[in-house]
Protein backbone atom coordinates (compact mmCIF):
# COMPACT_ATOMS: atom_id res chain seq x y z
CA UNK A 1 0.00 0.00 0.00
CA UNK A 2 2.78 2.43 0.75
CA UNK A 3 5.42 1.61 -1.86
CA UNK A 4 6.56 4.64 -3.83
CA UNK A 5 4.49 6.92 -1.62
CA UNK A 6 7.18 9.48 -0.98
CA UNK A 7 8.92 11.01 -3.92
CA UNK A 8 12.16 12.95 -3.60
CA UNK A 9 10.56 16.17 -4.82
CA UNK A 10 8.41 16.37 -1.66
CA UNK A 11 11.24 16.74 0.78
CA UNK A 12 14.30 18.89 1.38
CA UNK A 13 17.46 16.75 1.41
CA UNK A 14 18.04 15.13 4.78
CA UNK A 15 21.74 15.95 4.34
CA UNK A 16 21.04 19.61 4.94
CA UNK A 17 20.77 18.82 8.66
CA UNK A 18 24.27 17.38 8.68
CA UNK A 19 25.69 20.18 6.58
CA UNK A 20 24.39 22.76 9.04
CA UNK A 21 25.40 20.97 12.24
CA UNK A 22 28.88 22.51 12.33
CA UNK A 23 27.45 25.93 11.48
CA UNK A 24 25.09 25.73 14.47
CA UNK A 25 27.99 24.65 16.70
CA UNK A 26 29.99 27.70 15.67
CA UNK A 27 26.99 29.95 16.28
CA UNK A 28 26.47 28.52 19.78
CA UNK A 29 30.11 29.17 20.71
CA UNK A 30 29.98 32.74 19.43
CA UNK A 31 26.64 33.43 21.10
CA UNK A 32 27.81 32.03 24.42
CA UNK A 33 30.63 34.58 24.38
CA UNK A 34 28.26 37.35 23.29
CA UNK A 35 25.71 36.59 26.05
CA UNK A 36 28.41 36.28 28.70
CA UNK A 37 29.64 39.73 27.79
CA UNK A 38 26.12 41.06 27.57
CA UNK A 39 24.96 39.78 30.93
CA UNK A 40 22.14 37.61 29.47
CA UNK A 41 20.00 40.62 28.51
CA UNK A 42 16.74 39.90 26.64
CA UNK A 43 16.88 40.06 22.86
CA UNK A 44 16.30 43.54 21.47
CA UNK A 45 13.47 42.92 19.01
CA UNK A 46 14.29 46.10 17.11
CA UNK A 47 17.49 44.37 15.97
CA UNK A 48 15.64 41.40 14.51
CA UNK A 49 15.00 41.11 10.78
CA UNK A 50 12.09 38.98 9.60
CA UNK A 51 13.29 36.42 7.05
CA UNK A 52 10.43 33.96 6.58
CA UNK A 53 6.89 33.20 7.70
CA UNK A 54 5.09 29.84 7.63
CA UNK A 55 1.35 29.64 8.27
CA UNK A 56 -0.55 26.38 8.83
CA UNK A 57 -4.27 27.08 8.98
CA UNK A 58 -7.59 25.31 9.22
CA UNK A 59 -10.27 25.86 6.58
CA UNK A 60 -13.25 28.11 7.26
CA UNK A 61 -16.71 27.13 8.50
CA UNK A 62 -18.35 24.29 6.61
CA UNK A 63 -21.34 21.98 6.68
CA UNK A 64 -21.05 18.95 9.01
CA UNK A 65 -19.41 15.77 7.81
CA UNK A 66 -22.23 13.61 9.16
CA UNK A 67 -25.64 14.99 10.12
CA UNK A 68 -27.19 13.83 13.38
CA UNK A 69 -30.20 11.47 12.98
CA UNK A 70 -32.59 13.85 14.77
CA UNK A 71 -36.27 14.33 14.03
CA UNK A 72 -35.72 18.09 13.67
CA UNK A 73 -32.64 18.57 11.51
CA UNK A 74 -30.99 21.81 10.45
CA UNK A 75 -31.53 22.59 6.76
CA UNK A 76 -28.24 23.12 4.91
CA UNK A 77 -29.44 24.96 1.80
CA UNK A 78 -27.44 26.18 -1.23
CA UNK A 79 -27.97 29.83 -0.20
CA UNK A 80 -25.33 29.20 2.47
CA UNK A 81 -22.81 28.64 -0.33
CA UNK A 82 -23.02 32.02 -2.05
CA UNK A 83 -19.53 33.26 -2.90
CA UNK A 84 -18.79 36.86 -1.79
CA UNK A 85 -17.28 38.74 -4.75
CA UNK A 86 -14.43 40.02 -2.55
CA UNK A 87 -13.20 36.45 -2.08
CA UNK A 88 -12.87 35.67 -5.79
CA UNK A 89 -9.26 35.40 -6.95
CA UNK A 90 -8.11 33.72 -10.17
CA UNK A 91 -5.79 30.80 -9.51
CA UNK A 92 -4.71 27.39 -10.76
CA UNK A 93 -4.53 24.16 -8.77
CA UNK A 94 -1.73 21.73 -9.65
CA UNK A 95 0.11 18.83 -8.11
CA UNK A 96 3.44 19.51 -6.42
CA UNK A 97 5.32 19.15 -9.70
CA UNK A 98 3.04 21.54 -11.60
CA UNK A 99 0.99 18.82 -13.26
CA UNK A 100 -2.79 18.32 -13.23
CA UNK A 101 -4.70 18.40 -9.96
CA UNK A 102 -4.90 14.88 -8.53
CA UNK A 103 -8.14 13.04 -7.85
CA UNK A 104 -9.58 13.75 -4.39
CA UNK A 105 -10.97 10.65 -2.67
CA UNK A 106 -12.08 12.80 0.30
CA UNK A 107 -14.19 15.02 -1.95
CA UNK A 108 -15.67 11.92 -3.56
CA UNK A 109 -16.55 10.57 -0.11
CA UNK A 110 -18.16 13.83 1.05
CA UNK A 111 -20.31 14.06 -2.08
CA UNK A 112 -21.90 10.74 -1.18
CA UNK A 113 -23.40 12.38 1.90
CA UNK A 114 -26.27 14.76 1.08
CA UNK A 115 -27.56 16.74 4.06
CA UNK A 116 -31.06 18.00 4.65
CA UNK A 117 -31.37 21.06 2.39
CA UNK A 118 -29.32 19.43 -0.43
CA UNK A 119 -25.82 20.55 0.54
CA UNK A 120 -23.02 18.00 0.53
CA UNK A 121 -21.09 17.18 3.65
CA UNK A 122 -18.03 19.32 4.37
CA UNK A 123 -18.78 22.20 1.99
CA UNK A 124 -17.23 25.61 2.71
CA UNK A 125 -19.97 28.14 3.42
CA UNK A 126 -20.15 31.89 2.82
CA UNK A 127 -19.38 32.40 6.50
CA UNK A 128 -16.29 30.24 6.11
CA UNK A 129 -15.20 32.26 3.08
CA UNK A 130 -15.48 35.49 5.04
CA UNK A 131 -13.54 33.93 7.93
CA UNK A 132 -10.68 33.08 5.61
CA UNK A 133 -10.79 36.49 3.96
CA UNK A 134 -10.49 38.04 7.45
CA UNK A 135 -7.50 35.83 8.24
CA UNK A 136 -5.89 37.01 5.01
CA UNK A 137 -6.52 40.63 6.01
CA UNK A 138 -4.88 40.01 9.39
CA UNK A 139 -1.83 38.56 7.67
CA UNK A 140 -1.78 41.58 5.35
CA UNK A 141 -1.77 43.93 8.34
CA UNK A 142 1.07 41.96 9.95
CA UNK A 143 3.32 41.44 6.93
CA UNK A 144 2.41 44.16 4.41
CA UNK A 145 1.18 47.17 6.38
CA UNK A 146 2.74 47.04 9.87
CA UNK A 147 5.97 45.47 8.60
CA UNK A 148 6.77 45.90 4.87
CA UNK A 149 7.83 42.27 4.46
CA UNK A 150 5.66 41.12 1.56
CA UNK A 151 4.75 42.94 -1.63
CA UNK A 152 1.21 44.41 -1.57
CA UNK A 153 0.29 42.21 -4.54
CA UNK A 154 0.78 38.44 -4.81
CA UNK A 155 4.27 37.67 -6.09
CA UNK A 156 5.01 33.99 -6.88
CA UNK A 157 8.69 34.62 -6.12
CA UNK A 158 7.75 35.48 -2.53
CA UNK A 159 4.86 33.13 -1.73
CA UNK A 160 4.45 29.35 -1.90
CA UNK A 161 0.94 28.00 -1.42
CA UNK A 162 -0.04 24.43 -0.64
CA UNK A 163 -3.38 22.92 0.35
CA UNK A 164 -4.71 19.49 1.04
CA UNK A 165 -6.60 18.23 -1.99
CA UNK A 166 -10.02 18.91 -0.46
CA UNK A 167 -12.41 21.45 -1.97
CA UNK A 168 -13.12 23.33 1.28
CA UNK A 169 -9.38 23.82 1.80
CA UNK A 170 -8.68 24.91 -1.75
CA UNK A 171 -11.54 27.40 -1.56
CA UNK A 172 -10.38 28.60 1.87
CA UNK A 173 -6.92 29.21 0.46
CA UNK A 174 -8.34 31.30 -2.38
CA UNK A 175 -10.28 33.43 0.12
CA UNK A 176 -7.25 33.90 2.35
CA UNK A 177 -5.15 35.02 -0.61
CA UNK A 178 -7.89 37.44 -1.69
CA UNK A 179 -7.82 39.04 1.76
CA UNK A 180 -4.04 39.03 2.04
CA UNK A 181 -3.38 40.60 -1.36
CA UNK A 182 -6.71 42.38 -1.94
CA UNK A 183 -7.10 40.49 -5.22
CA UNK A 184 -3.92 42.05 -6.65
CA UNK A 185 -1.22 39.91 -8.24
CA UNK A 186 2.05 40.27 -10.11
CA UNK A 187 2.11 36.75 -11.50
CA UNK A 188 0.14 33.50 -11.67
CA UNK A 189 -1.28 32.09 -8.44
CA UNK A 190 -0.62 28.38 -8.12
CA UNK A 191 -2.12 26.38 -5.26
CA UNK A 192 -0.13 23.17 -4.96
CA UNK A 193 -1.66 19.95 -3.72
CA UNK A 194 -0.71 16.30 -3.59
CA UNK A 195 -1.92 12.75 -4.03
CA UNK A 196 -3.81 11.33 -1.06
CA UNK A 197 -1.18 8.60 -0.62
CA UNK A 198 1.55 11.13 0.19
CA UNK A 199 -0.41 13.92 1.88
CA UNK A 200 1.11 15.47 5.02
CA UNK A 201 -1.61 18.04 5.80
CA UNK A 202 -3.84 15.50 7.54
CA UNK A 203 -3.05 12.16 9.26
CA UNK A 204 -2.22 9.82 6.42
CA UNK A 205 -3.88 6.53 7.25
CA UNK A 206 -3.60 5.41 3.63
CA UNK A 207 0.19 5.34 3.59
CA UNK A 208 0.83 4.57 7.28
CA UNK A 209 -0.24 1.01 8.07
CA UNK A 210 0.88 1.21 11.68
CA UNK A 211 -1.09 4.38 12.36
CA UNK A 212 -4.18 2.96 10.67
CA UNK A 213 -4.06 -0.19 12.81
CA UNK A 214 -3.49 1.74 16.03
CA UNK A 215 -6.51 3.93 15.46
CA UNK A 216 -8.67 1.07 14.22
CA UNK A 217 -7.93 -0.82 17.42
CA UNK A 218 -9.02 2.10 19.58
CA UNK A 219 -11.98 3.49 17.63
CA UNK A 220 -14.67 1.21 19.05
CA UNK A 221 -13.23 1.38 22.55
CA UNK A 222 -13.09 5.20 22.63
CA UNK A 223 -16.75 5.75 23.53
CA UNK A 224 -16.61 2.99 26.16
CA UNK A 225 -13.97 4.68 28.29
CA UNK A 226 -14.98 5.58 31.87
CA UNK A 227 -16.48 9.06 32.03
CA UNK A 228 -16.82 9.31 28.26
CA UNK A 229 -19.31 6.45 28.15
CA UNK A 230 -21.53 7.85 30.90
CA UNK A 231 -21.50 11.36 29.44
CA UNK A 232 -22.30 10.06 25.95
CA UNK A 233 -25.26 8.08 27.29
CA UNK A 234 -26.54 11.20 29.06
CA UNK A 235 -26.25 13.51 26.03
CA UNK A 236 -27.60 11.06 23.45
CA UNK A 237 -30.46 10.23 25.82
CA UNK A 238 -31.37 13.92 26.04
CA UNK A 239 -31.25 14.06 22.23
CA UNK A 240 -33.55 11.06 21.95
CA UNK A 241 -30.96 9.01 20.04
CA UNK A 242 -30.92 5.24 20.25
CA UNK A 243 -27.78 3.25 20.98
CA UNK A 244 -27.63 1.95 17.43
CA UNK A 245 -27.28 5.41 15.87
CA UNK A 246 -23.46 5.25 16.10
CA UNK A 247 -23.03 8.82 17.30
CA UNK A 248 -19.93 9.79 19.26
CA UNK A 249 -18.74 13.06 20.78
CA UNK A 250 -16.74 14.02 17.70
CA UNK A 251 -19.87 13.80 15.52
CA UNK A 252 -21.85 15.76 18.13
CA UNK A 253 -19.22 18.48 18.31
CA UNK A 254 -18.87 18.66 14.52
CA UNK A 255 -22.58 19.35 14.11
CA UNK A 256 -22.65 21.81 17.00
CA UNK A 257 -19.64 23.79 15.74
CA UNK A 258 -20.97 23.89 12.17
CA UNK A 259 -24.39 25.14 13.29
CA UNK A 260 -22.94 27.74 15.66
CA UNK A 261 -20.64 29.15 12.98
CA UNK A 262 -23.67 29.73 10.73
CA UNK A 263 -25.84 31.07 13.58
CA UNK A 264 -28.41 28.43 12.62
CA UNK A 265 -31.26 27.52 15.00
CA UNK A 266 -29.67 24.26 16.05
CA UNK A 267 -30.65 21.75 18.68
CA UNK A 268 -31.10 23.33 22.17
CA UNK A 269 -29.66 20.18 23.78
CA UNK A 270 -26.39 20.60 21.91
CA UNK A 271 -26.18 24.20 23.09
CA UNK A 272 -26.89 23.19 26.69
CA UNK A 273 -24.11 20.61 26.70
CA UNK A 274 -21.73 22.63 24.49
CA UNK A 275 -18.79 22.73 26.92
CA UNK A 276 -19.07 19.05 27.82
CA UNK A 277 -19.38 18.01 24.17
CA UNK A 278 -16.25 19.90 23.15
CA UNK A 279 -14.21 18.57 26.07
CA UNK A 280 -15.28 14.98 25.45
CA UNK A 281 -14.66 15.32 21.70
CA UNK A 282 -11.08 16.33 22.53
CA UNK A 283 -10.82 13.43 25.00
CA UNK A 284 -11.98 10.97 22.33
CA UNK A 285 -9.52 12.35 19.79
CA UNK A 286 -6.63 12.10 22.25
CA UNK A 287 -7.63 8.54 23.09
CA UNK A 288 -7.68 7.63 19.40
CA UNK A 289 -4.27 9.23 18.96
CA UNK A 290 -2.89 7.03 21.70
CA UNK A 291 -0.81 9.56 23.59
CA UNK A 292 2.58 7.96 22.84
CA UNK A 293 5.46 9.50 20.94
CA UNK A 294 5.32 7.09 18.01
CA UNK A 295 1.68 7.86 17.26
CA UNK A 296 2.35 11.57 17.35
CA UNK A 297 5.36 11.11 15.08
CA UNK A 298 3.34 9.19 12.51
CA UNK A 299 0.57 11.81 12.49
CA UNK A 300 2.54 15.06 12.43
CA UNK A 301 6.18 14.04 11.86
CA UNK A 302 6.14 14.55 8.06
CA UNK A 303 4.56 18.02 8.39
CA UNK A 304 7.16 19.03 11.00
CA UNK A 305 9.86 17.80 8.63
CA UNK A 306 8.42 20.02 5.89
CA UNK A 307 8.38 23.09 8.17
CA UNK A 308 11.90 22.31 9.40
CA UNK A 309 13.20 21.93 5.85
CA UNK A 310 11.88 25.38 4.97
CA UNK A 311 13.63 26.87 8.01
CA UNK A 312 16.94 25.23 7.21
CA UNK A 313 16.74 26.24 3.57
CA UNK A 314 16.66 29.90 4.59
CA UNK A 315 19.44 29.50 7.16
CA UNK A 316 21.75 27.64 4.77
CA UNK A 317 23.97 30.29 3.10
CA UNK A 318 24.34 27.99 0.08
CA UNK A 319 20.63 28.12 -0.76
CA UNK A 320 20.03 29.91 -4.11
CA UNK A 321 17.61 32.88 -3.81
CA UNK A 322 15.03 31.21 -6.07
CA UNK A 323 14.85 28.09 -3.86
CA UNK A 324 13.23 29.80 -0.89
CA UNK A 325 10.16 31.95 -0.31
CA UNK A 326 9.26 34.66 2.18
CA UNK A 327 5.86 33.13 2.94
CA UNK A 328 4.69 29.52 3.00
CA UNK A 329 0.96 28.89 3.33
CA UNK A 330 -0.44 25.46 4.21
CA UNK A 331 -4.19 24.75 4.26
CA UNK A 332 -4.69 21.89 6.71
CA UNK A 333 -7.31 20.32 8.99
CA UNK A 334 -8.23 20.23 12.66
CA UNK A 335 -7.05 16.62 12.99
CA UNK A 336 -3.47 17.63 12.08
CA UNK A 337 -3.54 20.95 13.94
CA UNK A 338 -4.19 19.31 17.31
CA UNK A 339 -1.18 16.97 17.01
CA UNK A 340 0.89 19.91 15.72
CA UNK A 341 -0.06 21.97 18.79
CA UNK A 342 0.81 19.00 21.00
CA UNK A 343 4.23 18.60 19.41
CA UNK A 344 4.84 22.35 19.77
CA UNK A 345 3.87 22.12 23.44
CA UNK A 346 1.07 24.70 23.21
CA UNK A 347 -2.08 22.55 23.03
CA UNK A 348 -4.82 24.14 25.19
CA UNK A 349 -7.17 21.10 25.13
CA UNK A 350 -9.66 23.01 23.00
CA UNK A 351 -10.77 21.91 19.54
CA UNK A 352 -9.09 24.19 16.93
CA UNK A 353 -11.80 26.50 15.59
CA UNK A 354 -12.51 27.22 11.95
CA UNK A 355 -9.97 29.50 10.23
CA UNK A 356 -7.45 29.20 13.08
CA UNK A 357 -3.75 29.56 12.24
CA UNK A 358 -0.39 28.45 13.56
CA UNK A 359 2.24 30.94 12.42
CA UNK A 360 5.99 30.37 12.63
CA UNK A 361 8.25 33.36 11.98
CA UNK A 362 12.00 33.17 11.39
CA UNK A 363 14.20 36.13 12.36
CA UNK A 364 17.91 36.93 12.14
CA UNK A 365 19.67 39.24 14.57
CA UNK A 366 21.30 42.08 12.66
CA UNK A 367 24.39 42.21 14.90
CA UNK A 368 24.99 38.65 16.13
CA UNK A 369 23.46 36.93 13.05
CA UNK A 370 21.70 34.57 15.46
CA UNK A 371 18.48 32.96 14.23
CA UNK A 372 15.25 33.02 16.24
CA UNK A 373 11.75 31.67 15.76
CA UNK A 374 8.53 33.22 17.03
CA UNK A 375 5.38 31.11 17.30
CA UNK A 376 1.80 32.38 17.30
CA UNK A 377 -1.48 30.48 17.61
CA UNK A 378 -4.70 32.23 16.61
CA UNK A 379 -2.76 35.51 16.55
CA UNK A 380 -1.42 35.10 20.12
CA UNK A 381 2.29 34.75 20.88
CA UNK A 382 3.28 31.38 22.39
CA UNK A 383 6.30 29.80 24.09
CA UNK A 384 7.18 26.61 22.15
CA UNK A 385 8.31 23.42 23.81
CA UNK A 386 11.96 23.55 24.88
CA UNK A 387 12.20 27.33 24.51
CA UNK A 388 13.05 29.89 27.22
CA UNK A 389 10.56 32.51 26.02
CA UNK A 390 8.58 33.70 22.98
CA UNK A 391 11.73 34.41 20.97
CA UNK A 392 13.35 31.02 20.73
CA UNK A 393 16.86 30.36 19.38
CA UNK A 394 16.44 28.29 16.24
CA UNK A 395 18.72 25.48 17.38
CA UNK A 396 16.71 25.05 20.61
CA UNK A 397 13.47 24.97 18.66
CA UNK A 398 14.74 22.40 16.16
CA UNK A 399 16.18 20.28 18.95
CA UNK A 400 12.80 20.21 20.73
CA UNK A 401 10.94 19.37 17.51
CA UNK A 402 13.41 16.61 16.58
CA UNK A 403 11.60 14.34 19.05
CA UNK A 404 8.61 14.24 16.69
CA UNK A 405 10.01 15.16 13.26
CA UNK A 406 10.16 12.33 10.73
CA UNK A 407 12.02 12.37 7.45
CA UNK A 408 10.65 10.11 4.67
CA UNK A 409 12.90 7.15 5.50
CA UNK A 410 11.98 7.16 9.20
CA UNK A 411 8.31 7.65 8.36
CA UNK A 412 8.40 4.59 6.11
CA UNK A 413 10.12 2.52 8.78
CA UNK A 414 7.75 3.53 11.56
CA UNK A 415 4.65 3.09 9.42
CA UNK A 416 5.58 -0.29 7.99
CA UNK A 417 3.76 -3.41 9.08
CA UNK A 418 6.96 -4.81 10.57
CA UNK A 419 6.96 -2.04 13.19
CA UNK A 420 3.59 -3.14 14.60
CA UNK A 421 3.73 -5.92 17.14
CA UNK A 422 1.12 -7.03 19.61
CA UNK A 423 -1.53 -4.43 18.79
CA UNK A 424 -4.81 -5.69 20.19
CA UNK A 425 -8.23 -4.16 20.11
CA UNK A 426 -7.46 -2.00 23.13
CA UNK A 427 -4.13 -0.60 21.92
């Protein structure tokens, strides 16, 4: 199933890590001397120059993936799909090599589910489009207006755009770009996407046998866990759902969040139990994930490797100017954002909302030439795992992330069937 999944074009060379190891050692020695002389003063942010920004974001509000089997269902009608003119922005979708857009099995699956009102499952709504446009405007304020880092119009030499091959994400990306660049461009806009077998912007069960088996073994047991089971019985009983309806907290939360985003007159019971439903949905997801390092590596390791490769490409003085970008945009999903937040050490045990972003900025000190990263979640500055404060030395950040980062070879090895031993139904 996973042979020839990863192609060399997807990844920065692993050797770049080795080639930069001595450089980082020299920097640490020089900085130790500098800090000793400077008395460990905080970094003067006015001396930092922004070099690169990476943004991983969730799509905007959408219709639910599976509607609850209630007598009174919310109507998801086509009027909720009207495209605001401000969010229109001409673009082309290709694979990572510039070829035709691949087939999307997730879109095909969603189109088999027709909701009451005739919308398909998982469709981006007008509200979701506006949410993404607003995120784009925030990025414009940060990186065009407040700091003149990006050109006011889209420039393909400055911006690389990648999305999962799912319609709601591709549309969300278009809306974000429209807000960020106010529908102005200096060249063609290409949104890159990839085959499902090698996708890194959601957990890739197709290419990772070990991950698929781990989750399969825990899926049925998730709703039977102490506390979760009792709460699920209470909520579904209030909703009038029978035990055979196969509804769990993730389905409940998905419907609740979708209805709330649209300000639709949803089920009063969902609103009454909103806090409990969200908390238990997170609990179920964490149980499915397993909580161990290997599971987290298999889910988010390839994405971390991609982000790391972009960082190292900028830092490497041998990198040609045309091989790096100022801004990297990645349209992802909630089920990869939660593991990403966990790996970064900033997970708040809340379900990532629609249109939320994780932004990683790379700076260089103008005097010492030291490299720093700054991490923001939902526009708020964070302290990443293994870092002393919000401005984290790059080597410390990469060292902390190395626990979860997986290059293609290690991903293959960890995901192969040979790595899975003794996984029972409760694993």
